[in-house]
N, C-alpha and C. Protein backbone atom coordinates (compact mmCIF):
# COMPACT_ATOMS: atom_id res chain seq x y z
N MET A 1 -26.34 190.72 -118.63
CA MET A 1 -26.17 190.00 -117.39
C MET A 1 -25.30 188.77 -117.64
N PRO A 2 -24.29 188.55 -116.81
CA PRO A 2 -23.42 187.40 -117.02
C PRO A 2 -24.14 186.09 -116.68
N PRO A 3 -23.67 184.98 -117.25
CA PRO A 3 -24.25 183.69 -116.87
C PRO A 3 -24.09 183.48 -115.36
N THR A 4 -25.09 182.85 -114.75
CA THR A 4 -25.08 182.63 -113.31
C THR A 4 -25.18 181.14 -113.02
N ILE A 5 -24.30 180.67 -112.16
CA ILE A 5 -24.32 179.29 -111.67
C ILE A 5 -24.85 179.34 -110.25
N ILE A 6 -25.89 178.57 -109.97
CA ILE A 6 -26.52 178.60 -108.65
C ILE A 6 -26.24 177.30 -107.92
N TYR A 7 -25.83 177.44 -106.66
CA TYR A 7 -25.63 176.30 -105.77
C TYR A 7 -26.58 176.42 -104.59
N GLN A 8 -27.11 175.30 -104.15
CA GLN A 8 -27.82 175.24 -102.87
C GLN A 8 -27.05 174.21 -102.04
N ALA A 9 -26.63 174.62 -100.88
CA ALA A 9 -25.85 173.73 -100.02
C ALA A 9 -26.17 174.05 -98.58
N TYR A 10 -26.89 173.15 -97.94
CA TYR A 10 -27.30 173.37 -96.56
C TYR A 10 -27.37 172.03 -95.84
N GLY A 11 -27.41 172.11 -94.53
CA GLY A 11 -27.55 170.90 -93.73
C GLY A 11 -26.22 170.27 -93.39
N LEU A 12 -25.99 169.08 -93.87
CA LEU A 12 -24.78 168.33 -93.52
C LEU A 12 -23.52 169.01 -94.04
N PRO A 13 -22.45 169.01 -93.23
CA PRO A 13 -21.19 169.63 -93.67
C PRO A 13 -20.66 169.04 -94.98
N GLY A 14 -20.85 167.75 -95.20
CA GLY A 14 -20.36 167.13 -96.42
C GLY A 14 -20.99 167.72 -97.68
N ILE A 15 -22.24 168.12 -97.59
CA ILE A 15 -22.92 168.75 -98.73
C ILE A 15 -22.24 170.07 -99.07
N ARG A 16 -21.92 170.84 -98.04
CA ARG A 16 -21.25 172.13 -98.28
C ARG A 16 -19.84 171.91 -98.84
N LEU A 17 -19.14 170.89 -98.36
CA LEU A 17 -17.81 170.60 -98.88
C LEU A 17 -17.86 170.20 -100.35
N GLU A 18 -18.87 169.41 -100.72
CA GLU A 18 -19.03 169.03 -102.13
C GLU A 18 -19.24 170.25 -103.01
N ALA A 19 -20.06 171.18 -102.54
CA ALA A 19 -20.32 172.40 -103.32
C ALA A 19 -19.05 173.23 -103.44
N ALA A 20 -18.31 173.38 -102.34
CA ALA A 20 -17.06 174.15 -102.39
C ALA A 20 -16.07 173.51 -103.35
N TYR A 21 -15.98 172.19 -103.32
CA TYR A 21 -15.09 171.47 -104.24
C TYR A 21 -15.50 171.70 -105.69
N SER A 22 -16.79 171.68 -105.94
CA SER A 22 -17.30 171.92 -107.28
C SER A 22 -16.94 173.32 -107.77
N ILE A 23 -17.07 174.30 -106.88
CA ILE A 23 -16.73 175.68 -107.25
C ILE A 23 -15.24 175.80 -107.52
N LEU A 24 -14.42 175.20 -106.67
CA LEU A 24 -12.97 175.22 -106.90
C LEU A 24 -12.62 174.52 -108.21
N SER A 25 -13.33 173.45 -108.53
CA SER A 25 -13.11 172.74 -109.79
C SER A 25 -13.46 173.61 -110.99
N ALA A 26 -14.52 174.41 -110.86
CA ALA A 26 -14.90 175.32 -111.94
C ALA A 26 -13.79 176.34 -112.19
N TYR A 27 -13.22 176.86 -111.12
CA TYR A 27 -12.08 177.77 -111.28
C TYR A 27 -10.92 177.06 -111.97
N GLY A 28 -10.64 175.83 -111.55
CA GLY A 28 -9.55 175.08 -112.14
C GLY A 28 -9.77 174.80 -113.62
N ALA A 29 -10.98 174.43 -113.98
CA ALA A 29 -11.30 174.15 -115.38
C ALA A 29 -11.21 175.41 -116.23
N GLY A 30 -11.46 176.55 -115.61
CA GLY A 30 -11.41 177.82 -116.34
C GLY A 30 -10.06 178.50 -116.28
N GLY A 31 -9.05 177.77 -115.83
CA GLY A 31 -7.72 178.37 -115.76
C GLY A 31 -7.62 179.45 -114.69
N GLY A 32 -8.39 179.31 -113.63
CA GLY A 32 -8.35 180.28 -112.53
C GLY A 32 -9.42 181.35 -112.61
N THR A 33 -10.28 181.27 -113.62
CA THR A 33 -11.38 182.23 -113.74
C THR A 33 -12.68 181.46 -113.98
N LEU A 34 -13.76 182.18 -113.93
CA LEU A 34 -15.07 181.59 -114.24
C LEU A 34 -15.55 182.01 -115.62
N GLY A 35 -14.67 182.60 -116.41
CA GLY A 35 -15.01 182.98 -117.77
C GLY A 35 -16.13 184.00 -117.87
N GLY A 36 -16.21 184.88 -116.89
CA GLY A 36 -17.23 185.91 -116.89
C GLY A 36 -18.52 185.52 -116.19
N ALA A 37 -18.62 184.27 -115.77
CA ALA A 37 -19.82 183.82 -115.05
C ALA A 37 -19.74 184.28 -113.60
N ARG A 38 -20.89 184.25 -112.94
CA ARG A 38 -20.93 184.51 -111.50
C ARG A 38 -21.57 183.32 -110.82
N ILE A 39 -21.31 183.19 -109.53
CA ILE A 39 -21.86 182.09 -108.74
C ILE A 39 -22.64 182.67 -107.58
N VAL A 40 -23.82 182.11 -107.35
CA VAL A 40 -24.62 182.46 -106.17
C VAL A 40 -24.79 181.18 -105.36
N VAL A 41 -24.39 181.24 -104.09
CA VAL A 41 -24.49 180.08 -103.20
C VAL A 41 -25.56 180.36 -102.16
N TYR A 42 -26.62 179.57 -102.17
CA TYR A 42 -27.67 179.64 -101.16
C TYR A 42 -27.32 178.61 -100.09
N THR A 43 -27.09 179.07 -98.86
CA THR A 43 -26.59 178.19 -97.83
C THR A 43 -27.02 178.64 -96.44
N ASP A 44 -26.93 177.72 -95.50
CA ASP A 44 -27.17 178.06 -94.11
C ASP A 44 -25.86 178.38 -93.39
N ALA A 45 -24.73 178.29 -94.10
CA ALA A 45 -23.42 178.51 -93.48
C ALA A 45 -22.47 179.24 -94.42
N PRO A 46 -22.75 180.50 -94.76
CA PRO A 46 -21.87 181.22 -95.68
C PRO A 46 -20.45 181.37 -95.15
N ALA A 47 -20.27 181.42 -93.84
CA ALA A 47 -18.93 181.57 -93.27
C ALA A 47 -18.02 180.41 -93.66
N GLU A 48 -18.57 179.21 -93.76
CA GLU A 48 -17.77 178.05 -94.16
C GLU A 48 -17.29 178.19 -95.60
N PHE A 49 -18.15 178.69 -96.47
CA PHE A 49 -17.74 178.91 -97.86
C PHE A 49 -16.70 180.02 -97.95
N LYS A 50 -16.91 181.09 -97.21
CA LYS A 50 -15.96 182.20 -97.23
C LYS A 50 -14.59 181.76 -96.74
N GLN A 51 -14.56 180.84 -95.78
CA GLN A 51 -13.30 180.34 -95.25
C GLN A 51 -12.52 179.59 -96.33
N VAL A 52 -13.22 178.85 -97.17
CA VAL A 52 -12.58 178.06 -98.22
C VAL A 52 -12.36 178.87 -99.49
N LEU A 53 -13.37 179.63 -99.89
CA LEU A 53 -13.35 180.31 -101.19
C LEU A 53 -12.98 181.79 -101.12
N GLY A 54 -13.05 182.37 -99.93
CA GLY A 54 -12.79 183.79 -99.79
C GLY A 54 -13.98 184.62 -100.26
N LEU A 55 -13.68 185.84 -100.66
CA LEU A 55 -14.72 186.78 -101.09
C LEU A 55 -14.46 187.32 -102.50
N PRO A 56 -14.27 186.45 -103.48
CA PRO A 56 -14.07 186.97 -104.83
C PRO A 56 -15.33 187.68 -105.31
N PRO A 57 -15.19 188.71 -106.13
CA PRO A 57 -16.35 189.49 -106.55
C PRO A 57 -17.38 188.70 -107.36
N GLU A 58 -16.97 187.60 -107.97
CA GLU A 58 -17.92 186.84 -108.79
C GLU A 58 -18.72 185.80 -108.00
N ILE A 59 -18.49 185.72 -106.67
CA ILE A 59 -19.26 184.79 -105.84
C ILE A 59 -20.08 185.58 -104.84
N GLU A 60 -21.37 185.25 -104.78
CA GLU A 60 -22.30 185.88 -103.84
C GLU A 60 -22.85 184.79 -102.93
N TYR A 61 -22.89 185.06 -101.64
CA TYR A 61 -23.41 184.10 -100.67
C TYR A 61 -24.74 184.61 -100.14
N GLN A 62 -25.77 183.77 -100.20
CA GLN A 62 -27.09 184.13 -99.70
C GLN A 62 -27.40 183.24 -98.49
N LEU A 63 -27.51 183.86 -97.32
CA LEU A 63 -27.85 183.12 -96.11
C LEU A 63 -29.33 182.78 -96.11
N ILE A 64 -29.63 181.51 -95.99
CA ILE A 64 -31.01 181.04 -95.85
C ILE A 64 -31.06 180.25 -94.54
N GLU A 65 -31.88 180.71 -93.62
CA GLU A 65 -31.99 180.05 -92.31
C GLU A 65 -32.64 178.68 -92.46
N LEU A 66 -32.35 177.80 -91.51
CA LEU A 66 -32.86 176.43 -91.55
C LEU A 66 -34.39 176.39 -91.65
N GLY A 67 -35.06 177.27 -90.93
CA GLY A 67 -36.53 177.31 -90.98
C GLY A 67 -37.06 177.59 -92.38
N GLN A 68 -36.35 178.42 -93.13
CA GLN A 68 -36.77 178.72 -94.51
C GLN A 68 -36.63 177.49 -95.40
N TRP A 69 -35.52 176.77 -95.23
CA TRP A 69 -35.35 175.53 -96.01
C TRP A 69 -36.51 174.59 -95.72
N GLN A 70 -36.85 174.42 -94.45
CA GLN A 70 -37.94 173.52 -94.06
C GLN A 70 -39.27 173.98 -94.66
N GLN A 71 -39.51 175.28 -94.63
CA GLN A 71 -40.75 175.82 -95.20
C GLN A 71 -40.82 175.53 -96.69
N TRP A 72 -39.71 175.72 -97.38
CA TRP A 72 -39.67 175.46 -98.81
C TRP A 72 -39.93 174.00 -99.14
N ARG A 73 -39.55 173.09 -98.26
CA ARG A 73 -39.77 171.66 -98.50
C ARG A 73 -41.25 171.30 -98.44
N GLY A 74 -42.04 172.13 -97.78
CA GLY A 74 -43.48 171.95 -97.76
C GLY A 74 -43.95 170.89 -96.79
N PRO A 75 -45.27 170.69 -96.76
CA PRO A 75 -45.88 169.79 -95.77
C PRO A 75 -45.52 168.32 -95.95
N ILE A 76 -45.11 167.93 -97.16
CA ILE A 76 -44.73 166.53 -97.36
C ILE A 76 -43.21 166.34 -97.35
N ASP A 77 -42.47 167.38 -96.95
CA ASP A 77 -41.01 167.33 -96.83
C ASP A 77 -40.35 166.91 -98.15
N PHE A 78 -40.77 167.54 -99.23
CA PHE A 78 -40.27 167.22 -100.57
C PHE A 78 -38.99 168.01 -100.83
N VAL A 79 -37.85 167.34 -100.72
CA VAL A 79 -36.55 168.01 -100.77
C VAL A 79 -36.30 168.71 -102.11
N HIS A 80 -36.78 168.18 -103.20
CA HIS A 80 -36.50 168.79 -104.51
C HIS A 80 -37.31 170.06 -104.77
N ARG A 81 -38.30 170.31 -103.95
CA ARG A 81 -39.08 171.55 -104.05
C ARG A 81 -38.20 172.76 -103.73
N VAL A 82 -37.16 172.55 -102.93
CA VAL A 82 -36.24 173.62 -102.57
C VAL A 82 -35.58 174.21 -103.81
N LYS A 83 -35.23 173.38 -104.76
CA LYS A 83 -34.58 173.86 -105.99
C LYS A 83 -35.46 174.87 -106.71
N ILE A 84 -36.74 174.58 -106.78
CA ILE A 84 -37.68 175.48 -107.45
C ILE A 84 -37.77 176.80 -106.70
N GLU A 85 -37.82 176.74 -105.39
CA GLU A 85 -37.90 177.95 -104.57
C GLU A 85 -36.65 178.81 -104.73
N VAL A 86 -35.49 178.18 -104.79
CA VAL A 86 -34.23 178.93 -104.94
C VAL A 86 -34.21 179.66 -106.28
N LEU A 87 -34.68 178.99 -107.32
CA LEU A 87 -34.69 179.63 -108.65
C LEU A 87 -35.68 180.76 -108.69
């Protein structure tokens, strides 16, 4: 199994733009490739990522609805709990 880089990007548009920039930077650092790695993006707006990044075979977009993000944050609205749920 190839190495996997996981992104979670939901909510504010700026968060998604930061993630897209990071992914583009990874391609740039790798000379236009990810060196055999794959990327999985968990987001509430996969269409925005597809518009910027396209549909390369090494990137997978997972749609997570807003209600699911909220559920993962739990009763005390703990934002970092989402990372554990995504993994």
